[in-house]
Amino acid sequence: MFSWAQSRAMVPGWYGVGSAVKAHVVTHGDAGMAQLQRLYADWPFFQAIVSNLEMVLAKSDLGIAERYAGLVKDRESAAEIFATIAAEWQRTRDVVLAITGQQTLLERQPALQRSIVHRLPYINPLNHLQIALIQRYRAGDERDLVRGGIHLSINGIAAGLRNSG
């Protein structure tokens, strides 16, 4: 989870949910989505699951995640895998919004939404700095300054995300 969070993909927190819900709806039709919406309305456990999904989706940034994918030497494989991840992220986001009846993620949790949005101007540059430092390090620049910068960016991103990231 740690590396997926550092790269802002957050894959273990949401991957597969969109496909699973879509399969449920294909099997059960509109009644399948209505069932999930009822569960969300009536069952605190399911509300907590969906709330956690929303938070992880809101903390992810596929633009930044794609830059990390650019660090992979095999560009073709990286692009293919990233496209799969991005498509599943969109599916998962869409089903979460359909289940909750919201227009945007965290619409019903404005305090958490604000908290995440206000942290992004500090976290995002750290991600971009980390990518640049990783590129330098992989190119052979193993100075303590580069290594230390990578470690500082790891700590800053983790602190900013406020979870295992």
N, C-alpha and C. Protein backbone atom coordinates (compact mmCIF):
# COMPACT_ATOMS: atom_id res chain seq x y z
N MET A 1 0.83 -1.19 0.00
CA MET A 1 0.00 0.00 0.00
C MET A 1 0.87 1.25 0.00
N PHE A 2 1.97 1.19 0.73
CA PHE A 2 2.79 2.38 0.90
C PHE A 2 3.23 2.97 -0.44
N SER A 3 3.77 2.15 -1.32
CA SER A 3 4.26 2.69 -2.59
C SER A 3 3.13 3.17 -3.49
N TRP A 4 1.98 2.49 -3.44
CA TRP A 4 0.83 2.95 -4.23
C TRP A 4 0.33 4.30 -3.72
N ALA A 5 0.41 4.51 -2.41
CA ALA A 5 -0.01 5.79 -1.85
C ALA A 5 1.00 6.88 -2.20
N GLN A 6 2.30 6.57 -2.08
CA GLN A 6 3.32 7.55 -2.43
C GLN A 6 3.15 8.02 -3.86
N SER A 7 2.79 7.11 -4.75
CA SER A 7 2.63 7.47 -6.17
C SER A 7 1.25 8.05 -6.46
N ARG A 8 0.43 8.15 -5.44
CA ARG A 8 -0.91 8.75 -5.50
C ARG A 8 -1.90 7.93 -6.33
N ALA A 9 -1.60 6.67 -6.59
CA ALA A 9 -2.54 5.80 -7.29
C ALA A 9 -3.52 5.16 -6.30
N MET A 10 -3.07 4.86 -5.10
CA MET A 10 -3.90 4.30 -4.04
C MET A 10 -4.61 3.00 -4.45
N VAL A 11 -4.04 2.26 -5.36
CA VAL A 11 -4.68 1.10 -5.98
C VAL A 11 -5.28 0.11 -4.99
N PRO A 12 -4.59 -0.32 -3.93
CA PRO A 12 -5.18 -1.33 -3.04
C PRO A 12 -6.46 -0.87 -2.33
N GLY A 13 -6.68 0.43 -2.26
CA GLY A 13 -7.85 0.94 -1.56
C GLY A 13 -9.13 0.95 -2.37
N TRP A 14 -9.03 0.77 -3.70
CA TRP A 14 -10.24 0.88 -4.52
C TRP A 14 -10.27 -0.07 -5.72
N TYR A 15 -9.13 -0.62 -6.11
CA TYR A 15 -9.08 -1.37 -7.37
C TYR A 15 -9.99 -2.59 -7.33
N GLY A 16 -10.79 -2.74 -8.36
CA GLY A 16 -11.70 -3.87 -8.51
C GLY A 16 -13.12 -3.58 -8.08
N VAL A 17 -13.32 -2.54 -7.29
CA VAL A 17 -14.66 -2.23 -6.81
C VAL A 17 -15.57 -1.85 -7.98
N GLY A 18 -15.09 -1.02 -8.87
CA GLY A 18 -15.91 -0.60 -10.01
C GLY A 18 -16.32 -1.78 -10.87
N SER A 19 -15.39 -2.66 -11.17
CA SER A 19 -15.71 -3.84 -11.98
C SER A 19 -16.68 -4.77 -11.25
N ALA A 20 -16.49 -4.94 -9.96
CA ALA A 20 -17.38 -5.81 -9.19
C ALA A 20 -18.80 -5.27 -9.16
N VAL A 21 -18.93 -3.97 -8.93
CA VAL A 21 -20.27 -3.38 -8.91
C VAL A 21 -20.91 -3.44 -10.29
N LYS A 22 -20.13 -3.14 -11.32
CA LYS A 22 -20.66 -3.22 -12.69
C LYS A 22 -21.14 -4.63 -12.99
N ALA A 23 -20.39 -5.65 -12.59
CA ALA A 23 -20.79 -7.05 -12.81
C ALA A 23 -22.08 -7.35 -12.05
N HIS A 24 -22.20 -6.84 -10.83
CA HIS A 24 -23.42 -7.03 -10.03
C HIS A 24 -24.62 -6.42 -10.75
N VAL A 25 -24.43 -5.23 -11.30
CA VAL A 25 -25.53 -4.55 -12.00
C VAL A 25 -25.86 -5.26 -13.30
N VAL A 26 -24.86 -5.78 -14.00
CA VAL A 26 -25.13 -6.54 -15.23
C VAL A 26 -25.95 -7.78 -14.89
N THR A 27 -25.62 -8.45 -13.80
CA THR A 27 -26.32 -9.67 -13.39
C THR A 27 -27.73 -9.38 -12.89
N HIS A 28 -27.89 -8.30 -12.14
CA HIS A 28 -29.16 -8.02 -11.47
C HIS A 28 -29.91 -6.82 -12.03
N GLY A 29 -29.36 -6.16 -13.00
CA GLY A 29 -30.01 -5.01 -13.61
C GLY A 29 -30.13 -3.84 -12.66
N ASP A 30 -31.10 -2.99 -12.93
CA ASP A 30 -31.30 -1.80 -12.09
C ASP A 30 -31.57 -2.17 -10.64
N ALA A 31 -32.16 -3.34 -10.41
CA ALA A 31 -32.42 -3.78 -9.04
C ALA A 31 -31.11 -3.99 -8.28
N GLY A 32 -30.05 -4.35 -8.98
CA GLY A 32 -28.75 -4.53 -8.33
C GLY A 32 -28.21 -3.21 -7.80
N MET A 33 -28.31 -2.15 -8.60
CA MET A 33 -27.85 -0.84 -8.13
C MET A 33 -28.77 -0.34 -7.01
N ALA A 34 -30.07 -0.54 -7.15
CA ALA A 34 -31.02 -0.12 -6.11
C ALA A 34 -30.70 -0.83 -4.79
N GLN A 35 -30.32 -2.09 -4.87
CA GLN A 35 -29.95 -2.84 -3.67
C GLN A 35 -28.74 -2.21 -2.99
N LEU A 36 -27.73 -1.85 -3.77
CA LEU A 36 -26.54 -1.21 -3.20
C LEU A 36 -26.87 0.16 -2.62
N GLN A 37 -27.75 0.89 -3.28
CA GLN A 37 -28.16 2.20 -2.76
C GLN A 37 -28.92 2.05 -1.44
N ARG A 38 -29.75 1.00 -1.32
CA ARG A 38 -30.45 0.75 -0.05
C ARG A 38 -29.46 0.37 1.04
N LEU A 39 -28.50 -0.48 0.70
CA LEU A 39 -27.48 -0.85 1.68
C LEU A 39 -26.75 0.39 2.18
N TYR A 40 -26.41 1.28 1.26
CA TYR A 40 -25.72 2.51 1.64
C TYR A 40 -26.59 3.37 2.55
N ALA A 41 -27.86 3.44 2.25
CA ALA A 41 -28.78 4.28 3.04
C ALA A 41 -29.04 3.69 4.43
N ASP A 42 -29.02 2.36 4.55
CA ASP A 42 -29.51 1.72 5.77
C ASP A 42 -28.46 1.02 6.63
N TRP A 43 -27.29 0.76 6.10
CA TRP A 43 -26.34 -0.10 6.82
C TRP A 43 -25.04 0.67 7.09
N PRO A 44 -24.79 1.01 8.35
CA PRO A 44 -23.59 1.78 8.69
C PRO A 44 -22.28 1.11 8.24
N PHE A 45 -22.22 -0.22 8.26
CA PHE A 45 -21.01 -0.90 7.82
C PHE A 45 -20.72 -0.60 6.34
N PHE A 46 -21.76 -0.69 5.51
CA PHE A 46 -21.58 -0.42 4.08
C PHE A 46 -21.28 1.07 3.86
N GLN A 47 -21.90 1.94 4.65
CA GLN A 47 -21.60 3.37 4.58
C GLN A 47 -20.12 3.63 4.86
N ALA A 48 -19.58 2.93 5.85
CA ALA A 48 -18.17 3.10 6.20
C ALA A 48 -17.26 2.62 5.07
N ILE A 49 -17.61 1.52 4.44
CA ILE A 49 -16.82 1.01 3.32
C ILE A 49 -16.81 2.02 2.18
N VAL A 50 -17.99 2.51 1.84
CA VAL A 50 -18.09 3.48 0.74
C VAL A 50 -17.40 4.79 1.11
N SER A 51 -17.51 5.20 2.34
CA SER A 51 -16.83 6.41 2.81
C SER A 51 -15.31 6.27 2.67
N ASN A 52 -14.79 5.12 3.03
CA ASN A 52 -13.35 4.88 2.88
C ASN A 52 -12.95 4.87 1.40
N LEU A 53 -13.78 4.29 0.56
CA LEU A 53 -13.52 4.32 -0.88
C LEU A 53 -13.44 5.76 -1.38
N GLU A 54 -14.40 6.56 -0.97
CA GLU A 54 -14.41 7.97 -1.39
C GLU A 54 -13.14 8.69 -0.98
N MET A 55 -12.71 8.47 0.27
CA MET A 55 -11.52 9.15 0.76
C MET A 55 -10.29 8.75 -0.05
N VAL A 56 -10.15 7.46 -0.32
CA VAL A 56 -8.98 6.99 -1.06
C VAL A 56 -9.02 7.50 -2.50
N LEU A 57 -10.19 7.49 -3.11
CA LEU A 57 -10.31 8.03 -4.47
C LEU A 57 -9.99 9.52 -4.49
N ALA A 58 -10.44 10.24 -3.48
CA ALA A 58 -10.19 11.69 -3.42
C ALA A 58 -8.72 12.01 -3.22
N LYS A 59 -7.99 11.15 -2.52
CA LYS A 59 -6.56 11.38 -2.29
C LYS A 59 -5.71 10.95 -3.48
N SER A 60 -6.29 10.16 -4.36
CA SER A 60 -5.52 9.73 -5.53
C SER A 60 -5.45 10.86 -6.55
N ASP A 61 -4.41 10.81 -7.36
CA ASP A 61 -4.23 11.78 -8.43
C ASP A 61 -3.61 11.04 -9.60
N LEU A 62 -4.43 10.74 -10.59
CA LEU A 62 -3.94 9.93 -11.70
C LEU A 62 -2.93 10.66 -12.57
N GLY A 63 -2.97 11.97 -12.59
CA GLY A 63 -1.95 12.72 -13.32
C GLY A 63 -0.58 12.51 -12.72
N ILE A 64 -0.52 12.58 -11.40
CA ILE A 64 0.75 12.34 -10.71
C ILE A 64 1.13 10.87 -10.82
N ALA A 65 0.17 9.99 -10.65
CA ALA A 65 0.45 8.55 -10.76
C ALA A 65 1.02 8.21 -12.13
N GLU A 66 0.53 8.87 -13.15
CA GLU A 66 1.04 8.62 -14.50
C GLU A 66 2.51 9.05 -14.63
N ARG A 67 2.88 10.11 -13.94
CA ARG A 67 4.30 10.53 -13.96
C ARG A 67 5.18 9.47 -13.31
N TYR A 68 4.70 8.84 -12.24
CA TYR A 68 5.46 7.75 -11.63
C TYR A 68 5.55 6.57 -12.60
N ALA A 69 4.47 6.28 -13.31
CA ALA A 69 4.50 5.21 -14.31
C ALA A 69 5.55 5.50 -15.37
N GLY A 70 5.80 6.77 -15.63
CA GLY A 70 6.83 7.17 -16.59
C GLY A 70 8.24 6.82 -16.16
N LEU A 71 8.41 6.46 -14.89
CA LEU A 71 9.73 6.04 -14.40
C LEU A 71 10.08 4.62 -14.83
N VAL A 72 9.07 3.88 -15.29
CA VAL A 72 9.29 2.49 -15.68
C VAL A 72 10.01 2.45 -17.03
N LYS A 73 11.04 1.64 -17.12
CA LYS A 73 11.83 1.56 -18.35
C LYS A 73 11.03 1.02 -19.53
N ASP A 74 10.22 0.00 -19.29
CA ASP A 74 9.40 -0.58 -20.35
C ASP A 74 8.15 0.29 -20.52
N ARG A 75 8.27 1.29 -21.36
CA ARG A 75 7.21 2.29 -21.54
C ARG A 75 5.90 1.67 -22.02
N GLU A 76 6.00 0.70 -22.91
CA GLU A 76 4.78 0.08 -23.46
C GLU A 76 4.00 -0.64 -22.36
N SER A 77 4.68 -1.42 -21.55
CA SER A 77 4.01 -2.12 -20.44
C SER A 77 3.47 -1.12 -19.43
N ALA A 78 4.25 -0.09 -19.13
CA ALA A 78 3.81 0.92 -18.17
C ALA A 78 2.53 1.60 -18.66
N ALA A 79 2.49 1.95 -19.94
CA ALA A 79 1.31 2.62 -20.49
C ALA A 79 0.10 1.70 -20.46
N GLU A 80 0.31 0.44 -20.78
CA GLU A 80 -0.80 -0.52 -20.79
C GLU A 80 -1.35 -0.74 -19.38
N ILE A 81 -0.45 -0.93 -18.44
CA ILE A 81 -0.89 -1.14 -17.05
C ILE A 81 -1.54 0.11 -16.50
N PHE A 82 -0.96 1.27 -16.77
CA PHE A 82 -1.55 2.51 -16.27
C PHE A 82 -2.94 2.74 -16.87
N ALA A 83 -3.13 2.44 -18.14
CA ALA A 83 -4.45 2.60 -18.77
C ALA A 83 -5.49 1.71 -18.08
N THR A 84 -5.09 0.52 -17.71
CA THR A 84 -5.99 -0.39 -16.99
C THR A 84 -6.36 0.19 -15.63
N ILE A 85 -5.35 0.71 -14.93
CA ILE A 85 -5.59 1.32 -13.62
C ILE A 85 -6.51 2.53 -13.75
N ALA A 86 -6.24 3.40 -14.72
CA ALA A 86 -7.04 4.61 -14.89
C ALA A 86 -8.49 4.28 -15.24
N ALA A 87 -8.70 3.28 -16.08
CA ALA A 87 -10.07 2.89 -16.45
C ALA A 87 -10.82 2.35 -15.24
N GLU A 88 -10.14 1.55 -14.41
CA GLU A 88 -10.79 1.01 -13.21
C GLU A 88 -11.05 2.11 -12.19
N TRP A 89 -10.15 3.10 -12.08
CA TRP A 89 -10.39 4.23 -11.18
C TRP A 89 -11.68 4.95 -11.58
N GLN A 90 -11.83 5.20 -12.87
CA GLN A 90 -13.03 5.90 -13.36
C GLN A 90 -14.29 5.07 -13.08
N ARG A 91 -14.23 3.76 -13.34
CA ARG A 91 -15.38 2.89 -13.06
C ARG A 91 -15.74 2.94 -11.58
N THR A 92 -14.71 2.86 -10.73
CA THR A 92 -14.95 2.86 -9.29
C THR A 92 -15.53 4.19 -8.84
N ARG A 93 -14.99 5.28 -9.32
CA ARG A 93 -15.53 6.61 -9.00
C ARG A 93 -16.99 6.70 -9.42
N ASP A 94 -17.28 6.26 -10.63
CA ASP A 94 -18.65 6.34 -11.15
C ASP A 94 -19.64 5.52 -10.32
N VAL A 95 -19.24 4.32 -9.90
CA VAL A 95 -20.18 3.51 -9.11
C VAL A 95 -20.33 4.06 -7.70
N VAL A 96 -19.27 4.62 -7.13
CA VAL A 96 -19.39 5.23 -5.80
C VAL A 96 -20.37 6.40 -5.86
N LEU A 97 -20.25 7.23 -6.89
CA LEU A 97 -21.19 8.35 -7.03
C LEU A 97 -22.60 7.86 -7.27
N ALA A 98 -22.76 6.78 -8.04
CA ALA A 98 -24.11 6.23 -8.29
C ALA A 98 -24.72 5.66 -7.00
N ILE A 99 -23.91 4.98 -6.21
CA ILE A 99 -24.41 4.41 -4.96
C ILE A 99 -24.79 5.50 -3.98
N THR A 100 -23.98 6.53 -3.87
CA THR A 100 -24.21 7.59 -2.88
C THR A 100 -25.18 8.66 -3.36
N GLY A 101 -25.39 8.74 -4.67
CA GLY A 101 -26.26 9.78 -5.22
C GLY A 101 -25.61 11.16 -5.23
N GLN A 102 -24.29 11.20 -5.15
CA GLN A 102 -23.57 12.47 -5.13
C GLN A 102 -23.10 12.84 -6.54
N GLN A 103 -22.77 14.11 -6.71
CA GLN A 103 -22.20 14.58 -7.96
C GLN A 103 -20.68 14.55 -7.93
N THR A 104 -20.11 14.72 -6.73
CA THR A 104 -18.66 14.72 -6.56
C THR A 104 -18.28 13.87 -5.35
N LEU A 105 -17.05 13.41 -5.34
CA LEU A 105 -16.57 12.65 -4.19
C LEU A 105 -16.56 13.53 -2.94
N LEU A 106 -16.92 12.94 -1.85
CA LEU A 106 -16.92 13.58 -0.53
C LEU A 106 -17.89 14.76 -0.43
N GLU A 107 -18.86 14.80 -1.30
CA GLU A 107 -19.87 15.87 -1.28
C GLU A 107 -20.58 15.93 0.07
N ARG A 108 -20.81 14.77 0.67
CA ARG A 108 -21.50 14.71 1.97
C ARG A 108 -20.55 14.78 3.15
N GLN A 109 -19.26 14.92 2.87
CA GLN A 109 -18.26 15.05 3.92
C GLN A 109 -17.42 16.30 3.64
N PRO A 110 -18.04 17.48 3.70
CA PRO A 110 -17.35 18.70 3.28
C PRO A 110 -16.10 19.00 4.10
N ALA A 111 -16.08 18.66 5.37
CA ALA A 111 -14.89 18.94 6.19
C ALA A 111 -13.71 18.11 5.69
N LEU A 112 -13.94 16.83 5.42
CA LEU A 112 -12.87 15.97 4.91
C LEU A 112 -12.46 16.42 3.51
N GLN A 113 -13.42 16.78 2.70
CA GLN A 113 -13.13 17.26 1.34
C GLN A 113 -12.24 18.50 1.40
N ARG A 114 -12.58 19.46 2.26
CA ARG A 114 -11.76 20.68 2.41
C ARG A 114 -10.37 20.34 2.92
N SER A 115 -10.30 19.44 3.88
CA SER A 115 -9.02 19.06 4.46
C SER A 115 -8.08 18.50 3.39
N ILE A 116 -8.61 17.62 2.56
CA ILE A 116 -7.79 17.03 1.49
C ILE A 116 -7.41 18.09 0.47
N VAL A 117 -8.36 18.89 0.04
CA VAL A 117 -8.09 19.92 -0.97
C VAL A 117 -7.05 20.92 -0.47
N HIS A 118 -7.12 21.28 0.80
CA HIS A 118 -6.17 22.25 1.35
C HIS A 118 -4.76 21.68 1.51
N ARG A 119 -4.64 20.36 1.60
CA ARG A 119 -3.31 19.75 1.72
C ARG A 119 -2.64 19.55 0.36
N LEU A 120 -3.42 19.46 -0.71
CA LEU A 120 -2.86 19.14 -2.02
C LEU A 120 -1.80 20.11 -2.52
N PRO A 121 -1.93 21.42 -2.29
CA PRO A 121 -0.87 22.33 -2.76
C PRO A 121 0.49 22.07 -2.11
N TYR A 122 0.50 21.35 -1.00
CA TYR A 122 1.75 21.01 -0.33
C TYR A 122 2.24 19.62 -0.72
N ILE A 123 1.30 18.69 -0.92
CA ILE A 123 1.66 17.32 -1.25
C ILE A 123 2.09 17.20 -2.71
N ASN A 124 1.32 17.80 -3.62
CA ASN A 124 1.60 17.64 -5.05
C ASN A 124 3.04 18.02 -5.43
N PRO A 125 3.55 19.17 -5.00
CA PRO A 125 4.94 19.49 -5.35
C PRO A 125 5.94 18.47 -4.80
N LEU A 126 5.64 17.90 -3.63
CA LEU A 126 6.52 16.88 -3.08
C LEU A 126 6.56 15.65 -3.99
N ASN A 127 5.40 15.29 -4.56
CA ASN A 127 5.39 14.18 -5.50
C ASN A 127 6.24 14.48 -6.73
N HIS A 128 6.10 15.68 -7.27
CA HIS A 128 6.89 16.04 -8.46
C HIS A 128 8.39 16.09 -8.13
N LEU A 129 8.72 16.60 -6.96
CA LEU A 129 10.11 16.62 -6.52
C LEU A 129 10.63 15.20 -6.36
N GLN A 130 9.84 14.34 -5.76
CA GLN A 130 10.25 12.96 -5.56
C GLN A 130 10.52 12.26 -6.90
N ILE A 131 9.68 12.48 -7.87
CA ILE A 131 9.87 11.89 -9.19
C ILE A 131 11.20 12.36 -9.79
N ALA A 132 11.46 13.65 -9.71
CA ALA A 132 12.72 14.20 -10.25
C ALA A 132 13.93 13.62 -9.52
N LEU A 133 13.82 13.48 -8.21
CA LEU A 133 14.94 12.93 -7.44
C LEU A 133 15.15 11.45 -7.75
N ILE A 134 14.07 10.72 -7.93
CA ILE A 134 14.20 9.30 -8.30
C ILE A 134 14.87 9.18 -9.67
N GLN A 135 14.49 10.04 -10.59
CA GLN A 135 15.13 10.04 -11.91
C GLN A 135 16.63 10.30 -11.78
N ARG A 136 17.01 11.28 -10.99
CA ARG A 136 18.43 11.57 -10.77
C ARG A 136 19.16 10.37 -10.17
N TYR A 137 18.54 9.80 -9.15
CA TYR A 137 19.16 8.67 -8.47
C TYR A 137 19.36 7.49 -9.43
N ARG A 138 18.35 7.20 -10.21
CA ARG A 138 18.44 6.09 -11.17
C ARG A 138 19.45 6.39 -12.29
N ALA A 139 19.69 7.65 -12.54
CA ALA A 139 20.68 8.04 -13.56
C ALA A 139 22.10 7.99 -13.01
N GLY A 140 22.23 7.65 -11.73
CA GLY A 140 23.56 7.49 -11.15
C GLY A 140 23.96 8.53 -10.13
N ASP A 141 23.12 9.51 -9.87
CA ASP A 141 23.43 10.54 -8.87
C ASP A 141 23.05 10.00 -7.49
N GLU A 142 24.03 9.41 -6.82
CA GLU A 142 23.77 8.78 -5.52
C GLU A 142 24.27 9.62 -4.36
N ARG A 143 24.37 10.92 -4.58
CA ARG A 143 24.82 11.81 -3.50
C ARG A 143 23.84 11.75 -2.33
N ASP A 144 24.39 12.04 -1.15
CA ASP A 144 23.56 12.06 0.06
C ASP A 144 22.42 13.07 -0.07
N LEU A 145 22.68 14.17 -0.76
CA LEU A 145 21.67 15.20 -0.96
C LEU A 145 20.46 14.64 -1.71
N VAL A 146 20.70 13.85 -2.74
CA VAL A 146 19.62 13.25 -3.52
C VAL A 146 18.89 12.21 -2.69
N ARG A 147 19.65 11.33 -2.08
CA ARG A 147 19.07 10.27 -1.24
C ARG A 147 18.26 10.90 -0.10
N GLY A 148 18.81 11.91 0.54
CA GLY A 148 18.11 12.58 1.64
C GLY A 148 16.84 13.27 1.16
N GLY A 149 16.90 13.85 -0.02
CA GLY A 149 15.71 14.49 -0.59
C GLY A 149 14.60 13.49 -0.85
N ILE A 150 14.97 12.31 -1.33
CA ILE A 150 13.97 11.26 -1.54
C ILE A 150 13.33 10.88 -0.22
N HIS A 151 14.15 10.68 0.81
CA HIS A 151 13.60 10.30 2.11
C HIS A 151 12.71 11.40 2.70
N LEU A 152 13.13 12.64 2.56
CA LEU A 152 12.29 13.75 3.06
C LEU A 152 10.96 13.83 2.31
N SER A 153 11.01 13.61 0.99
CA SER A 153 9.75 13.65 0.22
C SER A 153 8.83 12.51 0.63
N ILE A 154 9.39 11.34 0.90
CA ILE A 154 8.58 10.21 1.36
C ILE A 154 7.87 10.58 2.66
N ASN A 155 8.60 11.14 3.60
CA ASN A 155 8.01 11.52 4.89
C ASN A 155 6.97 12.61 4.73
N GLY A 156 7.26 13.60 3.87
CA GLY A 156 6.31 14.68 3.67
C GLY A 156 5.02 14.23 3.02
N ILE A 157 5.13 13.37 2.03
CA ILE A 157 3.92 12.86 1.35
C ILE A 157 3.10 12.03 2.34
N ALA A 158 3.76 11.15 3.08
CA ALA A 158 3.06 10.33 4.07
C ALA A 158 2.34 11.19 5.11
N ALA A 159 3.02 12.21 5.58
CA ALA A 159 2.40 13.09 6.59
C ALA A 159 1.23 13.86 5.98
N GLY A 160 1.40 14.33 4.77
CA GLY A 160 0.34 15.09 4.12
C GLY A 160 -0.89 14.27 3.80
N LEU A 161 -0.69 13.02 3.42
CA LEU A 161 -1.83 12.16 3.10
C LEU A 161 -2.55 11.70 4.37
N ARG A 162 -1.84 11.71 5.48
CA ARG A 162 -2.40 11.32 6.78
C ARG A 162 -2.92 9.90 6.82
N ASN A 163 -2.24 9.02 6.15
CA ASN A 163 -2.53 7.60 6.26
C ASN A 163 -1.25 6.85 5.96
N SER A 164 -1.34 5.61 5.55
CA SER A 164 -0.13 4.81 5.35
C SER A 164 0.68 5.27 4.15
N GLY A 165 0.25 6.37 3.50
CA GLY A 165 0.93 6.88 2.31
C GLY A 165 2.22 7.53 2.63
